[in-house]
Amino acid sequence: MIIAPSLLASDFGKFAKETIRASKAKADWLHLDIMDGHFVPNISFGPEVVRVLRRETKMTFDVHLMCSNPEILLEPFAKAGADLITIHAELGDRVPQLLWKIRSLGVKVGLAVNPPTGIANAEPYLSQIDLLLVMTVNPGFGGQPFIQEMLPKIQQAAAWRRERGLNFRIEVDGGINQTTAVECARAGADTFVSGTALFGQRQLGRAISKMRQAVTRAAAGQ
């Protein structure tokens, strides 16, 4: 099970310190939400922030591009230190070329699906990706409540993975706390992005450990 605190929920004035804090707290990955103010109505940060933070940790950098034109960002983020780059299924017929480009940069490949988008839109690409991100809130802002109706999407993705003998990770992002992470784990998720529920805790290491233990038990049917 992978626990990935979301930098978007950290103190924007202390990104380096917050990254080190997550690393010391034994987070598996650091999730970095990149927003362009167009694909989603918010703006976050760019490749230079990732480049600077890369010096602080060996954690996997999980870069999620919520952007209308990710073509111009793939190489800059790969060079900055991204280990995995996720683009959105909502980009339609541009998806195949984008996935190919990410792979060609030597970076792992992710594909995200927003709540209004059917999970079937990701199905043609399952053999080409390392990670499928099921958004459990509408992207753009932190602190939103988990959308329960996304659980069947996770179950369907897990069923496809099992039936086809694939090994892509199933990531969830949005409203993920101790309770909703367990629900997602029972549905088949194995990678959990959590912002406020982790970075909002004074004892980050304890919060990460508790979430990891809870989802591991849930996945085992306990």
C-alpha atoms as a PDB file:
ATOM      1  CA  MET A   1       0.000   0.000   0.000  1.00  0.00           C
ATOM      2  CA  ILE A   2       1.293   3.428  -0.998  1.00  0.00           C
ATOM      3  CA  ILE A   3       0.537   6.524   1.068  1.00  0.00           C
ATOM      4  CA  ALA A   4       1.108   9.773  -0.832  1.00  0.00           C
ATOM      5  CA  PRO A   5       0.621  13.050   1.055  1.00  0.00           C
ATOM      6  CA  SER A   6      -0.504  15.832  -1.256  1.00  0.00           C
ATOM      7  CA  LEU A   7       1.758  18.875  -1.207  1.00  0.00           C
ATOM      8  CA  LEU A   8      -1.218  21.067  -2.119  1.00  0.00           C
ATOM      9  CA  ALA A   9      -2.424  20.722   1.489  1.00  0.00           C
ATOM     10  CA  SER A  10       0.905  21.711   3.011  1.00  0.00           C
ATOM     11  CA  ASP A  11       2.150  25.154   4.023  1.00  0.00           C
ATOM     12  CA  PHE A  12       2.895  26.953   0.725  1.00  0.00           C
ATOM     13  CA  GLY A  13       5.477  29.087   2.486  1.00  0.00           C
ATOM     14  CA  LYS A  14       7.450  26.031   3.593  1.00  0.00           C
ATOM     15  CA  PHE A  15       7.398  23.595   0.670  1.00  0.00           C
ATOM     16  CA  ALA A  16      10.959  22.374   1.274  1.00  0.00           C
ATOM     17  CA  LYS A  17      10.406  21.864   5.007  1.00  0.00           C
ATOM     18  CA  GLU A  18       7.059  20.145   4.360  1.00  0.00           C
ATOM     19  CA  THR A  19       8.684  17.809   1.828  1.00  0.00           C
ATOM     20  CA  ILE A  20      11.384  16.878   4.341  1.00  0.00           C
ATOM     21  CA  ARG A  21       8.675  16.435   6.976  1.00  0.00           C
ATOM     22  CA  ALA A  22       6.799  13.989   4.736  1.00  0.00           C
ATOM     23  CA  SER A  23       9.994  12.109   3.961  1.00  0.00           C
ATOM     24  CA  LYS A  24      10.920  11.762   7.641  1.00  0.00           C
ATOM     25  CA  ALA A  25       7.353  10.661   8.368  1.00  0.00           C
ATOM     26  CA  LYS A  26       7.963   7.715   6.005  1.00  0.00           C
ATOM     27  CA  ALA A  27       5.532   8.725   3.300  1.00  0.00           C
ATOM     28  CA  ASP A  28       5.965   6.469   0.255  1.00  0.00           C
ATOM     29  CA  TRP A  29       5.328   9.115  -2.401  1.00  0.00           C
ATOM     30  CA  LEU A  30       4.803  12.872  -2.562  1.00  0.00           C
ATOM     31  CA  HIS A  31       1.803  13.838  -4.695  1.00  0.00           C
ATOM     32  CA  LEU A  32       2.200  17.085  -6.628  1.00  0.00           C
ATOM     33  CA  ASP A  33      -0.934  18.615  -8.154  1.00  0.00           C
ATOM     34  CA  ILE A  34      -0.177  20.839 -11.138  1.00  0.00           C
ATOM     35  CA  MET A  35      -3.079  23.146 -12.022  1.00  0.00           C
ATOM     36  CA  ASP A  36      -3.135  25.541 -14.954  1.00  0.00           C
ATOM     37  CA  GLY A  37      -6.185  27.704 -14.200  1.00  0.00           C
ATOM     38  CA  HIS A  38      -7.852  26.366 -17.347  1.00  0.00           C
ATOM     39  CA  PHE A  39      -8.429  22.615 -17.043  1.00  0.00           C
ATOM     40  CA  VAL A  40      -9.316  23.378 -13.428  1.00  0.00           C
ATOM     41  CA  PRO A  41     -10.180  26.813 -11.965  1.00  0.00           C
ATOM     42  CA  ASN A  42      -7.047  27.108  -9.857  1.00  0.00           C
ATOM     43  CA  ILE A  43      -3.287  27.539 -10.266  1.00  0.00           C
ATOM     44  CA  SER A  44      -0.698  25.712  -8.175  1.00  0.00           C
ATOM     45  CA  PHE A  45       3.007  25.511  -9.108  1.00  0.00           C
ATOM     46  CA  GLY A  46       5.344  24.504 -11.891  1.00  0.00           C
ATOM     47  CA  PRO A  47       8.471  22.494 -12.734  1.00  0.00           C
ATOM     48  CA  GLU A  48      10.841  24.807 -10.860  1.00  0.00           C
ATOM     49  CA  VAL A  49       9.189  23.948  -7.534  1.00  0.00           C
ATOM     50  CA  VAL A  50       9.575  20.251  -8.318  1.00  0.00           C
ATOM     51  CA  ARG A  51      13.229  20.773  -9.276  1.00  0.00           C
ATOM     52  CA  VAL A  52      14.009  22.516  -5.984  1.00  0.00           C
ATOM     53  CA  LEU A  53      12.156  19.927  -3.886  1.00  0.00           C
ATOM     54  CA  ARG A  54      13.874  17.058  -5.688  1.00  0.00           C
ATOM     55  CA  ARG A  55      17.064  17.919  -3.821  1.00  0.00           C
ATOM     56  CA  GLU A  56      15.365  17.328  -0.470  1.00  0.00           C
ATOM     57  CA  THR A  57      14.231  13.710  -0.751  1.00  0.00           C
ATOM     58  CA  LYS A  58      14.417  10.423  -2.622  1.00  0.00           C
ATOM     59  CA  MET A  59      10.647   9.900  -2.297  1.00  0.00           C
ATOM     60  CA  THR A  60       8.791   9.089  -5.503  1.00  0.00           C
ATOM     61  CA  PHE A  61       7.415  12.316  -6.994  1.00  0.00           C
ATOM     62  CA  ASP A  62       3.898  11.609  -8.258  1.00  0.00           C
ATOM     63  CA  VAL A  63       3.095  14.523 -10.593  1.00  0.00           C
ATOM     64  CA  HIS A  64      -0.568  14.957 -11.535  1.00  0.00           C
ATOM     65  CA  LEU A  65      -1.087  17.318 -14.479  1.00  0.00           C
ATOM     66  CA  MET A  66      -4.540  18.907 -14.308  1.00  0.00           C
ATOM     67  CA  CYS A  67      -3.731  20.892 -17.421  1.00  0.00           C
ATOM     68  CA  SER A  68      -5.311  21.539 -20.799  1.00  0.00           C
ATOM     69  CA  ASN A  69      -1.995  21.433 -22.671  1.00  0.00           C
ATOM     70  CA  PRO A  70       0.225  18.912 -20.877  1.00  0.00           C
ATOM     71  CA  GLU A  71       2.279  18.454 -24.059  1.00  0.00           C
ATOM     72  CA  ILE A  72       4.376  21.514 -23.165  1.00  0.00           C
ATOM     73  CA  LEU A  73       4.913  20.363 -19.571  1.00  0.00           C
ATOM     74  CA  LEU A  74       5.934  16.726 -19.872  1.00  0.00           C
ATOM     75  CA  GLU A  75       9.612  17.263 -20.615  1.00  0.00           C
ATOM     76  CA  PRO A  76      10.078  20.112 -18.087  1.00  0.00           C
ATOM     77  CA  PHE A  77       8.572  18.029 -15.285  1.00  0.00           C
ATOM     78  CA  ALA A  78      10.519  14.927 -16.263  1.00  0.00           C
ATOM     79  CA  LYS A  79      13.754  16.935 -16.213  1.00  0.00           C
ATOM     80  CA  ALA A  80      12.769  18.527 -12.898  1.00  0.00           C
ATOM     81  CA  GLY A  81      12.602  15.117 -11.229  1.00  0.00           C
ATOM     82  CA  ALA A  82       9.127  13.648 -11.660  1.00  0.00           C
ATOM     83  CA  ASP A  83       9.088   9.865 -11.273  1.00  0.00           C
ATOM     84  CA  LEU A  84       5.526   9.431 -12.489  1.00  0.00           C
ATOM     85  CA  ILE A  85       3.403  11.800 -14.585  1.00  0.00           C
ATOM     86  CA  THR A  86      -0.372  11.484 -14.811  1.00  0.00           C
ATOM     87  CA  ILE A  87      -2.511  13.089 -17.506  1.00  0.00           C
ATOM     88  CA  HIS A  88      -6.298  13.039 -17.881  1.00  0.00           C
ATOM     89  CA  ALA A  89      -8.566  10.752 -19.895  1.00  0.00           C
ATOM     90  CA  GLU A  90     -10.701  13.835 -20.577  1.00  0.00           C
ATOM     91  CA  LEU A  91      -8.088  14.957 -23.121  1.00  0.00           C
ATOM     92  CA  GLY A  92      -9.683  12.497 -25.542  1.00  0.00           C
ATOM     93  CA  ASP A  93      -7.863  11.579 -28.734  1.00  0.00           C
ATOM     94  CA  ARG A  94      -4.653  13.229 -27.473  1.00  0.00           C
ATOM     95  CA  VAL A  95      -4.273  10.591 -24.745  1.00  0.00           C
ATOM     96  CA  PRO A  96      -2.373   7.915 -26.753  1.00  0.00           C
ATOM     97  CA  GLN A  97       0.343  10.334 -27.881  1.00  0.00           C
ATOM     98  CA  LEU A  98       0.658  11.817 -24.396  1.00  0.00           C
ATOM     99  CA  LEU A  99       1.084   8.401 -22.796  1.00  0.00           C
ATOM    100  CA  TRP A 100       3.719   7.508 -25.386  1.00  0.00           C
ATOM    101  CA  LYS A 101       5.572  10.772 -24.778  1.00  0.00           C
ATOM    102  CA  ILE A 102       5.666  10.265 -20.996  1.00  0.00           C
ATOM    103  CA  ARG A 103       7.043   6.748 -21.455  1.00  0.00           C
ATOM    104  CA  SER A 104       9.664   8.012 -23.911  1.00  0.00           C
ATOM    105  CA  LEU A 105      10.965  10.401 -21.240  1.00  0.00           C
ATOM    106  CA  GLY A 106      11.768   7.464 -18.978  1.00  0.00           C
ATOM    107  CA  VAL A 107       9.009   8.339 -16.513  1.00  0.00           C
ATOM    108  CA  LYS A 108       6.197   6.113 -15.280  1.00  0.00           C
ATOM    109  CA  VAL A 109       2.799   6.736 -16.850  1.00  0.00           C
ATOM    110  CA  GLY A 110      -0.475   7.611 -15.149  1.00  0.00           C
ATOM    111  CA  LEU A 111      -4.000   8.245 -16.424  1.00  0.00           C
ATOM    112  CA  ALA A 112      -6.660  10.057 -14.384  1.00  0.00           C
ATOM    113  CA  VAL A 113     -10.457   9.979 -14.621  1.00  0.00           C
ATOM    114  CA  ASN A 114     -12.630  12.769 -13.200  1.00  0.00           C
ATOM    115  CA  PRO A 115     -15.900  12.011 -11.354  1.00  0.00           C
ATOM    116  CA  PRO A 116     -18.229  12.849 -14.296  1.00  0.00           C
ATOM    117  CA  THR A 117     -16.172  10.714 -16.713  1.00  0.00           C
ATOM    118  CA  GLY A 118     -16.991   7.033 -17.165  1.00  0.00           C
ATOM    119  CA  ILE A 119     -14.253   4.594 -16.203  1.00  0.00           C
ATOM    120  CA  ALA A 120     -14.704   3.011 -19.648  1.00  0.00           C
ATOM    121  CA  ASN A 121     -12.761   5.969 -21.062  1.00  0.00           C
ATOM    122  CA  ALA A 122      -9.636   4.580 -19.408  1.00  0.00           C
ATOM    123  CA  GLU A 123     -10.168   0.955 -20.429  1.00  0.00           C
ATOM    124  CA  PRO A 124      -8.368   1.095 -23.819  1.00  0.00           C
ATOM    125  CA  TYR A 125      -5.164   2.267 -22.129  1.00  0.00           C
ATOM    126  CA  LEU A 126      -4.909  -0.074 -19.153  1.00  0.00           C
ATOM    127  CA  SER A 127      -2.073  -2.113 -20.659  1.00  0.00           C
ATOM    128  CA  GLN A 128      -0.095   1.076 -21.352  1.00  0.00           C
ATOM    129  CA  ILE A 129      -0.121   2.670 -17.909  1.00  0.00           C
ATOM    130  CA  ASP A 130       1.546   2.183 -14.543  1.00  0.00           C
ATOM    131  CA  LEU A 131      -1.185   3.927 -12.580  1.00  0.00           C
ATOM    132  CA  LEU A 132      -4.893   4.671 -12.910  1.00  0.00           C
ATOM    133  CA  LEU A 133      -6.023   7.630 -10.823  1.00  0.00           C
ATOM    134  CA  VAL A 134      -9.708   7.616  -9.895  1.00  0.00           C
ATOM    135  CA  MET A 135     -10.571  11.132  -8.770  1.00  0.00           C
ATOM    136  CA  THR A 136     -12.936  10.953  -5.809  1.00  0.00           C
ATOM    137  CA  VAL A 137     -13.706  14.684  -5.871  1.00  0.00           C
ATOM    138  CA  ASN A 138     -13.969  17.144  -8.736  1.00  0.00           C
ATOM    139  CA  PRO A 139     -10.399  18.431  -9.125  1.00  0.00           C
ATOM    140  CA  GLY A 140      -9.224  21.949  -8.509  1.00  0.00           C
ATOM    141  CA  PHE A 141      -9.505  22.560  -4.783  1.00  0.00           C
ATOM    142  CA  GLY A 142      -8.513  20.731  -1.620  1.00  0.00           C
ATOM    143  CA  GLY A 143     -10.758  19.898   1.302  1.00  0.00           C
ATOM    144  CA  GLN A 144     -13.749  18.637  -0.683  1.00  0.00           C
ATOM    145  CA  PRO A 145     -15.917  15.760   0.592  1.00  0.00           C
ATOM    146  CA  PHE A 146     -15.391  12.276  -0.811  1.00  0.00           C
ATOM    147  CA  ILE A 147     -17.873  11.223  -3.533  1.00  0.00           C
ATOM    148  CA  GLN A 148     -19.174   7.770  -2.557  1.00  0.00           C
ATOM    149  CA  GLU A 149     -20.415   7.077  -6.086  1.00  0.00           C
ATOM    150  CA  MET A 150     -16.786   6.672  -7.222  1.00  0.00           C
ATOM    151  CA  LEU A 151     -16.378   3.354  -5.381  1.00  0.00           C
ATOM    152  CA  PRO A 152     -17.871   1.285  -8.241  1.00  0.00           C
ATOM    153  CA  LYS A 153     -15.265   2.811 -10.582  1.00  0.00           C
ATOM    154  CA  ILE A 154     -12.510   1.524  -8.320  1.00  0.00           C
ATOM    155  CA  GLN A 155     -14.166  -1.901  -8.214  1.00  0.00           C
ATOM    156  CA  GLN A 156     -14.401  -2.014 -12.008  1.00  0.00           C
ATOM    157  CA  ALA A 157     -10.765  -0.998 -12.428  1.00  0.00           C
ATOM    158  CA  ALA A 158      -9.702  -3.682  -9.942  1.00  0.00           C
ATOM    159  CA  ALA A 159     -11.787  -6.278 -11.797  1.00  0.00           C
ATOM    160  CA  TRP A 160     -10.176  -5.385 -15.136  1.00  0.00           C
ATOM    161  CA  ARG A 161      -6.737  -5.535 -13.584  1.00  0.00           C
ATOM    162  CA  ARG A 162      -7.406  -8.965 -12.112  1.00  0.00           C
ATOM    163  CA  GLU A 163      -9.096 -10.410 -15.208  1.00  0.00           C
ATOM    164  CA  ARG A 164      -6.355  -9.228 -17.582  1.00  0.00           C
ATOM    165  CA  GLY A 165      -3.380  -9.979 -15.362  1.00  0.00           C
ATOM    166  CA  LEU A 166      -2.234  -6.359 -15.382  1.00  0.00           C
ATOM    167  CA  ASN A 167      -0.293  -4.656 -12.612  1.00  0.00           C
ATOM    168  CA  PHE A 168      -1.124  -0.938 -12.813  1.00  0.00           C
ATOM    169  CA  ARG A 169      -1.694   0.740  -9.470  1.00  0.00           C
ATOM    170  CA  ILE A 170      -5.145   2.098  -8.595  1.00  0.00           C
ATOM    171  CA  GLU A 171      -4.793   5.497  -6.977  1.00  0.00           C
ATOM    172  CA  VAL A 172      -7.520   7.556  -5.313  1.00  0.00           C
ATOM    173  CA  ASP A 173      -7.411  11.283  -4.661  1.00  0.00           C
ATOM    174  CA  GLY A 174      -9.966  13.558  -3.045  1.00  0.00           C
ATOM    175  CA  GLY A 175     -11.512  13.532   0.409  1.00  0.00           C
ATOM    176  CA  ILE A 176      -9.236  10.664   1.445  1.00  0.00           C
ATOM    177  CA  ASN A 177      -9.031  10.243   5.205  1.00  0.00           C
ATOM    178  CA  GLN A 178      -8.796   7.242   7.517  1.00  0.00           C
ATOM    179  CA  THR A 179     -12.417   6.223   6.870  1.00  0.00           C
ATOM    180  CA  THR A 180     -12.673   6.811   3.118  1.00  0.00           C
ATOM    181  CA  ALA A 181      -9.237   5.274   2.506  1.00  0.00           C
ATOM    182  CA  VAL A 182     -10.516   2.034   4.052  1.00  0.00           C
ATOM    183  CA  GLU A 183     -13.583   2.094   1.779  1.00  0.00           C
ATOM    184  CA  CYS A 184     -11.356   2.584  -1.265  1.00  0.00           C
ATOM    185  CA  ALA A 185      -8.993  -0.197  -0.179  1.00  0.00           C
ATOM    186  CA  ARG A 186     -11.914  -2.599   0.134  1.00  0.00           C
ATOM    187  CA  ALA A 187     -12.943  -1.616  -3.411  1.00  0.00           C
ATOM    188  CA  GLY A 188      -9.454  -2.351  -4.770  1.00  0.00           C
ATOM    189  CA  ALA A 189      -7.379   0.823  -4.451  1.00  0.00           C
ATOM    190  CA  ASP A 190      -3.755   0.452  -3.370  1.00  0.00           C
ATOM    191  CA  THR A 191      -2.407   4.019  -3.615  1.00  0.00           C
ATOM    192  CA  PHE A 192      -3.867   6.788  -1.470  1.00  0.00           C
ATOM    193  CA  VAL A 193      -3.408  10.513  -1.988  1.00  0.00           C
ATOM    194  CA  SER A 194      -4.376  12.469   1.095  1.00  0.00           C
ATOM    195  CA  GLY A 195      -3.950  16.152   1.755  1.00  0.00           C
ATOM    196  CA  THR A 196      -5.604  17.717   4.754  1.00  0.00           C
ATOM    197  CA  ALA A 197      -6.005  14.426   6.632  1.00  0.00           C
ATOM    198  CA  LEU A 198      -2.209  14.009   6.602  1.00  0.00           C
ATOM    199  CA  PHE A 199      -0.479  17.385   6.294  1.00  0.00           C
ATOM    200  CA  GLY A 200      -3.075  18.836   8.668  1.00  0.00           C
ATOM    201  CA  GLN A 201      -1.830  16.566  11.458  1.00  0.00           C
ATOM    202  CA  ARG A 202       0.914  17.645  13.846  1.00  0.00           C
ATOM    203  CA  GLN A 203       2.161  14.042  14.043  1.00  0.00           C
ATOM    204  CA  LEU A 204       2.392  13.329  10.340  1.00  0.00           C
ATOM    205  CA  GLY A 205       4.315  10.081  10.805  1.00  0.00           C
ATOM    206  CA  ARG A 206       1.644   8.699  13.099  1.00  0.00           C
ATOM    207  CA  ALA A 207      -1.128   9.720  10.678  1.00  0.00           C
ATOM    208  CA  ILE A 208       0.641   8.021   7.750  1.00  0.00           C
ATOM    209  CA  SER A 209       1.284   4.874   9.764  1.00  0.00           C
ATOM    210  CA  LYS A 210      -2.333   4.659  10.921  1.00  0.00           C
ATOM    211  CA  MET A 211      -3.642   5.084   7.364  1.00  0.00           C
ATOM    212  CA  ARG A 212      -1.220   2.483   6.000  1.00  0.00           C
ATOM    213  CA  GLN A 213      -2.192  -0.046   8.653  1.00  0.00           C
ATOM    214  CA  ALA A 214      -5.909   0.602   8.132  1.00  0.00           C
ATOM    215  CA  VAL A 215      -5.843   0.160   4.343  1.00  0.00           C
ATOM    216  CA  THR A 216      -3.618  -2.912   4.582  1.00  0.00           C
ATOM    217  CA  ARG A 217      -6.111  -4.554   6.941  1.00  0.00           C
ATOM    218  CA  ALA A 218      -9.041  -3.536   4.734  1.00  0.00           C
ATOM    219  CA  ALA A 219      -7.410  -4.958   1.601  1.00  0.00           C
ATOM    220  CA  ALA A 220      -6.834  -8.217   3.446  1.00  0.00           C
ATOM    221  CA  GLY A 221     -10.521  -8.373   4.342  1.00  0.00           C
ATOM    222  CA  GLN A 222      -9.971  -7.778   8.036  1.00  0.00           C
END
